[in-house]
Amino acid sequence: MVVCRRSRKIICAAFTNGKRHDFRLFRESGVRVAPAVGLMADTGYQGIAKMHANSELPRKRSKRNPLTEEDRRRNRAISSGRVANEHAIGFVKRFRIVSEKYRGRRRGFGLRFNLVAGICNYELSC
């Protein structure tokens, strides 16, 4: 799900049948972002810098290389910028379309998800 950080509105969403990793779904969806637009993603999107130069990922710590204070501050800034996306995901989950098993027709899932996204955008604009 792509969310605008300023307006907190859902711009686009991609989904597939079954389980698929978020980054793989992002690559296969064909969503293209203008080079001037910055992307903030979580650590599951390792390798997005090859696709989009203006992207920010939090740094991961390892056993041998703990995070410095600068890295921690940077990770906190990225996390605070991603809050809009997490709130949008939580708003969509309140409708239970993605948090529970979808029992409707498979071909109607996209339409229903977009309707829920539209309701979320409407609620945020009021």
C-alpha atoms as a PDB file:
ATOM      1  CA  MET A   1       0.000   0.000   0.000  1.00  0.00           C
ATOM      2  CA  VAL A   2       1.365   3.413  -0.968  1.00  0.00           C
ATOM      3  CA  VAL A   3       0.304   6.275   1.300  1.00  0.00           C
ATOM      4  CA  CYS A   4       0.965  10.005   0.924  1.00  0.00           C
ATOM      5  CA  ARG A   5       2.810  11.238   3.994  1.00  0.00           C
ATOM      6  CA  ARG A   6       1.285  14.732   4.006  1.00  0.00           C
ATOM      7  CA  SER A   7      -2.372  13.977   3.321  1.00  0.00           C
ATOM      8  CA  ARG A   8      -2.240  10.424   4.800  1.00  0.00           C
ATOM      9  CA  LYS A   9      -4.400   9.191   1.928  1.00  0.00           C
ATOM     10  CA  ILE A  10      -4.039   5.810   0.272  1.00  0.00           C
ATOM     11  CA  ILE A  11      -2.690   6.345  -3.231  1.00  0.00           C
ATOM     12  CA  CYS A  12      -2.595   2.762  -4.487  1.00  0.00           C
ATOM     13  CA  ALA A  13      -2.654  -0.801  -3.248  1.00  0.00           C
ATOM     14  CA  ALA A  14      -1.569  -4.089  -4.752  1.00  0.00           C
ATOM     15  CA  PHE A  15      -2.601  -7.585  -3.740  1.00  0.00           C
ATOM     16  CA  THR A  16      -2.332 -11.145  -4.950  1.00  0.00           C
ATOM     17  CA  ASN A  17      -3.725 -14.575  -4.276  1.00  0.00           C
ATOM     18  CA  GLY A  18      -2.095 -16.378  -1.379  1.00  0.00           C
ATOM     19  CA  LYS A  19       0.966 -15.373   0.577  1.00  0.00           C
ATOM     20  CA  ARG A  20       3.572 -13.223  -1.097  1.00  0.00           C
ATOM     21  CA  HIS A  21       6.322 -11.061   0.377  1.00  0.00           C
ATOM     22  CA  ASP A  22       5.648  -7.320   0.323  1.00  0.00           C
ATOM     23  CA  PHE A  23       8.741  -6.404  -1.667  1.00  0.00           C
ATOM     24  CA  ARG A  24       8.097  -9.104  -4.278  1.00  0.00           C
ATOM     25  CA  LEU A  25       4.528  -7.835  -4.627  1.00  0.00           C
ATOM     26  CA  PHE A  26       5.838  -4.265  -4.999  1.00  0.00           C
ATOM     27  CA  ARG A  27       8.213  -5.341  -7.783  1.00  0.00           C
ATOM     28  CA  GLU A  28       5.581  -7.357  -9.625  1.00  0.00           C
ATOM     29  CA  SER A  29       2.839  -4.736  -9.283  1.00  0.00           C
ATOM     30  CA  GLY A  30       4.560  -2.354 -11.684  1.00  0.00           C
ATOM     31  CA  VAL A  31       4.087   0.679  -9.430  1.00  0.00           C
ATOM     32  CA  ARG A  32       6.521   3.322 -10.535  1.00  0.00           C
ATOM     33  CA  VAL A  33       7.443   6.288  -8.377  1.00  0.00           C
ATOM     34  CA  ALA A  34       8.914   9.500  -9.757  1.00  0.00           C
ATOM     35  CA  PRO A  35      12.636   9.830  -8.976  1.00  0.00           C
ATOM     36  CA  ALA A  36      12.060  13.102  -7.105  1.00  0.00           C
ATOM     37  CA  VAL A  37       9.636  11.464  -4.666  1.00  0.00           C
ATOM     38  CA  GLY A  38      11.169   9.976  -1.539  1.00  0.00           C
ATOM     39  CA  LEU A  39      10.233   6.488  -0.382  1.00  0.00           C
ATOM     40  CA  MET A  40      10.286   5.335   3.229  1.00  0.00           C
ATOM     41  CA  ALA A  41      10.057   1.591   3.727  1.00  0.00           C
ATOM     42  CA  ASP A  42      10.739  -0.942   6.446  1.00  0.00           C
ATOM     43  CA  THR A  43      13.596  -3.429   6.507  1.00  0.00           C
ATOM     44  CA  GLY A  44      11.574  -5.945   4.485  1.00  0.00           C
ATOM     45  CA  TYR A  45      12.282  -3.861   1.380  1.00  0.00           C
ATOM     46  CA  GLN A  46      16.050  -4.500   1.261  1.00  0.00           C
ATOM     47  CA  GLY A  47      17.178  -3.829  -2.305  1.00  0.00           C
ATOM     48  CA  ILE A  48      14.692  -1.072  -3.097  1.00  0.00           C
ATOM     49  CA  ALA A  49      17.608   1.350  -3.504  1.00  0.00           C
ATOM     50  CA  LYS A  50      18.447  -0.437  -6.773  1.00  0.00           C
ATOM     51  CA  MET A  51      14.977   0.380  -8.098  1.00  0.00           C
ATOM     52  CA  HIS A  52      14.548   3.846  -6.564  1.00  0.00           C
ATOM     53  CA  ALA A  53      17.573   5.967  -5.652  1.00  0.00           C
ATOM     54  CA  ASN A  54      15.629   8.345  -3.383  1.00  0.00           C
ATOM     55  CA  SER A  55      14.580   5.717  -0.815  1.00  0.00           C
ATOM     56  CA  GLU A  56      15.245   5.438   2.901  1.00  0.00           C
ATOM     57  CA  LEU A  57      15.497   2.219   4.873  1.00  0.00           C
ATOM     58  CA  PRO A  58      16.283   1.812   8.543  1.00  0.00           C
ATOM     59  CA  ARG A  59      19.682   0.399   9.357  1.00  0.00           C
ATOM     60  CA  LYS A  60      19.843  -3.098  10.793  1.00  0.00           C
ATOM     61  CA  ARG A  61      22.104  -4.012  13.659  1.00  0.00           C
ATOM     62  CA  SER A  62      24.158  -7.142  13.757  1.00  0.00           C
ATOM     63  CA  LYS A  63      25.942  -8.971  16.532  1.00  0.00           C
ATOM     64  CA  ARG A  64      29.306  -7.560  15.508  1.00  0.00           C
ATOM     65  CA  ASN A  65      28.125  -4.097  14.436  1.00  0.00           C
ATOM     66  CA  PRO A  66      25.708  -2.525  16.913  1.00  0.00           C
ATOM     67  CA  LEU A  67      23.907   0.662  15.896  1.00  0.00           C
ATOM     68  CA  THR A  68      25.463   3.998  16.703  1.00  0.00           C
ATOM     69  CA  GLU A  69      23.480   6.837  18.240  1.00  0.00           C
ATOM     70  CA  GLU A  70      23.311   8.518  14.810  1.00  0.00           C
ATOM     71  CA  ASP A  71      21.872   5.338  13.283  1.00  0.00           C
ATOM     72  CA  ARG A  72      19.290   5.122  16.067  1.00  0.00           C
ATOM     73  CA  ARG A  73      18.229   8.736  15.522  1.00  0.00           C
ATOM     74  CA  ARG A  74      17.973   8.117  11.773  1.00  0.00           C
ATOM     75  CA  ASN A  75      15.898   4.948  12.296  1.00  0.00           C
ATOM     76  CA  ARG A  76      13.590   6.824  14.666  1.00  0.00           C
ATOM     77  CA  ALA A  77      13.105   9.599  12.075  1.00  0.00           C
ATOM     78  CA  ILE A  78      12.263   7.034   9.397  1.00  0.00           C
ATOM     79  CA  SER A  79       9.844   5.248  11.722  1.00  0.00           C
ATOM     80  CA  SER A  80       8.087   8.483  12.632  1.00  0.00           C
ATOM     81  CA  GLY A  81       7.690   9.245   8.918  1.00  0.00           C
ATOM     82  CA  ARG A  82       6.216   5.790   8.267  1.00  0.00           C
ATOM     83  CA  VAL A  83       3.525   6.195  10.912  1.00  0.00           C
ATOM     84  CA  ALA A  84       1.072   7.474   8.295  1.00  0.00           C
ATOM     85  CA  ASN A  85       1.401   4.211   6.384  1.00  0.00           C
ATOM     86  CA  GLU A  86       0.945   2.085   9.495  1.00  0.00           C
ATOM     87  CA  HIS A  87      -2.143   4.078  10.498  1.00  0.00           C
ATOM     88  CA  ALA A  88      -3.646   3.574   7.026  1.00  0.00           C
ATOM     89  CA  ILE A  89      -3.023  -0.180   7.275  1.00  0.00           C
ATOM     90  CA  GLY A  90      -4.683  -0.219  10.689  1.00  0.00           C
ATOM     91  CA  PHE A  91      -7.661   1.742   9.340  1.00  0.00           C
ATOM     92  CA  VAL A  92      -8.131  -0.768   6.516  1.00  0.00           C
ATOM     93  CA  LYS A  93      -7.837  -3.674   8.962  1.00  0.00           C
ATOM     94  CA  ARG A  94     -10.793  -2.304  10.929  1.00  0.00           C
ATOM     95  CA  PHE A  95     -12.956  -3.314   7.987  1.00  0.00           C
ATOM     96  CA  ARG A  96     -11.557  -6.861   8.337  1.00  0.00           C
ATOM     97  CA  ILE A  97     -10.969  -7.232   4.612  1.00  0.00           C
ATOM     98  CA  VAL A  98      -7.285  -8.043   5.080  1.00  0.00           C
ATOM     99  CA  SER A  99      -7.150  -9.113   8.720  1.00  0.00           C
ATOM    100  CA  GLU A 100      -9.486 -12.092   8.294  1.00  0.00           C
ATOM    101  CA  LYS A 101     -10.044 -14.663   5.574  1.00  0.00           C
ATOM    102  CA  TYR A 102     -11.860 -13.107   2.627  1.00  0.00           C
ATOM    103  CA  ARG A 103     -14.909 -15.233   1.853  1.00  0.00           C
ATOM    104  CA  GLY A 104     -16.257 -13.392  -1.154  1.00  0.00           C
ATOM    105  CA  ARG A 105     -15.522 -14.000  -4.809  1.00  0.00           C
ATOM    106  CA  ARG A 106     -11.867 -13.655  -5.658  1.00  0.00           C
ATOM    107  CA  ARG A 107     -12.466 -11.331  -8.584  1.00  0.00           C
ATOM    108  CA  GLY A 108     -14.459  -8.939  -6.367  1.00  0.00           C
ATOM    109  CA  PHE A 109     -11.671  -8.495  -3.816  1.00  0.00           C
ATOM    110  CA  GLY A 110      -9.945  -5.678  -5.705  1.00  0.00           C
ATOM    111  CA  LEU A 111     -13.122  -3.659  -6.042  1.00  0.00           C
ATOM    112  CA  ARG A 112     -14.023  -4.105  -2.384  1.00  0.00           C
ATOM    113  CA  PHE A 113     -10.523  -3.229  -1.221  1.00  0.00           C
ATOM    114  CA  ASN A 114     -10.543  -0.055  -3.328  1.00  0.00           C
ATOM    115  CA  LEU A 115     -13.939   0.850  -1.864  1.00  0.00           C
ATOM    116  CA  VAL A 116     -12.548   0.443   1.657  1.00  0.00           C
ATOM    117  CA  ALA A 117      -9.537   2.577   0.680  1.00  0.00           C
ATOM    118  CA  GLY A 118     -11.918   5.233  -0.648  1.00  0.00           C
ATOM    119  CA  ILE A 119     -13.858   5.216   2.623  1.00  0.00           C
ATOM    120  CA  CYS A 120     -10.582   5.598   4.526  1.00  0.00           C
ATOM    121  CA  ASN A 121      -9.554   8.531   2.324  1.00  0.00           C
ATOM    122  CA  TYR A 122     -12.950  10.153   2.793  1.00  0.00           C
ATOM    123  CA  GLU A 123     -12.728   9.791   6.584  1.00  0.00           C
ATOM    124  CA  LEU A 124      -9.284  11.341   6.603  1.00  0.00           C
ATOM    125  CA  SER A 125     -10.381  14.308   4.488  1.00  0.00           C
ATOM    126  CA  CYS A 126     -13.233  15.251   6.842  1.00  0.00           C
END
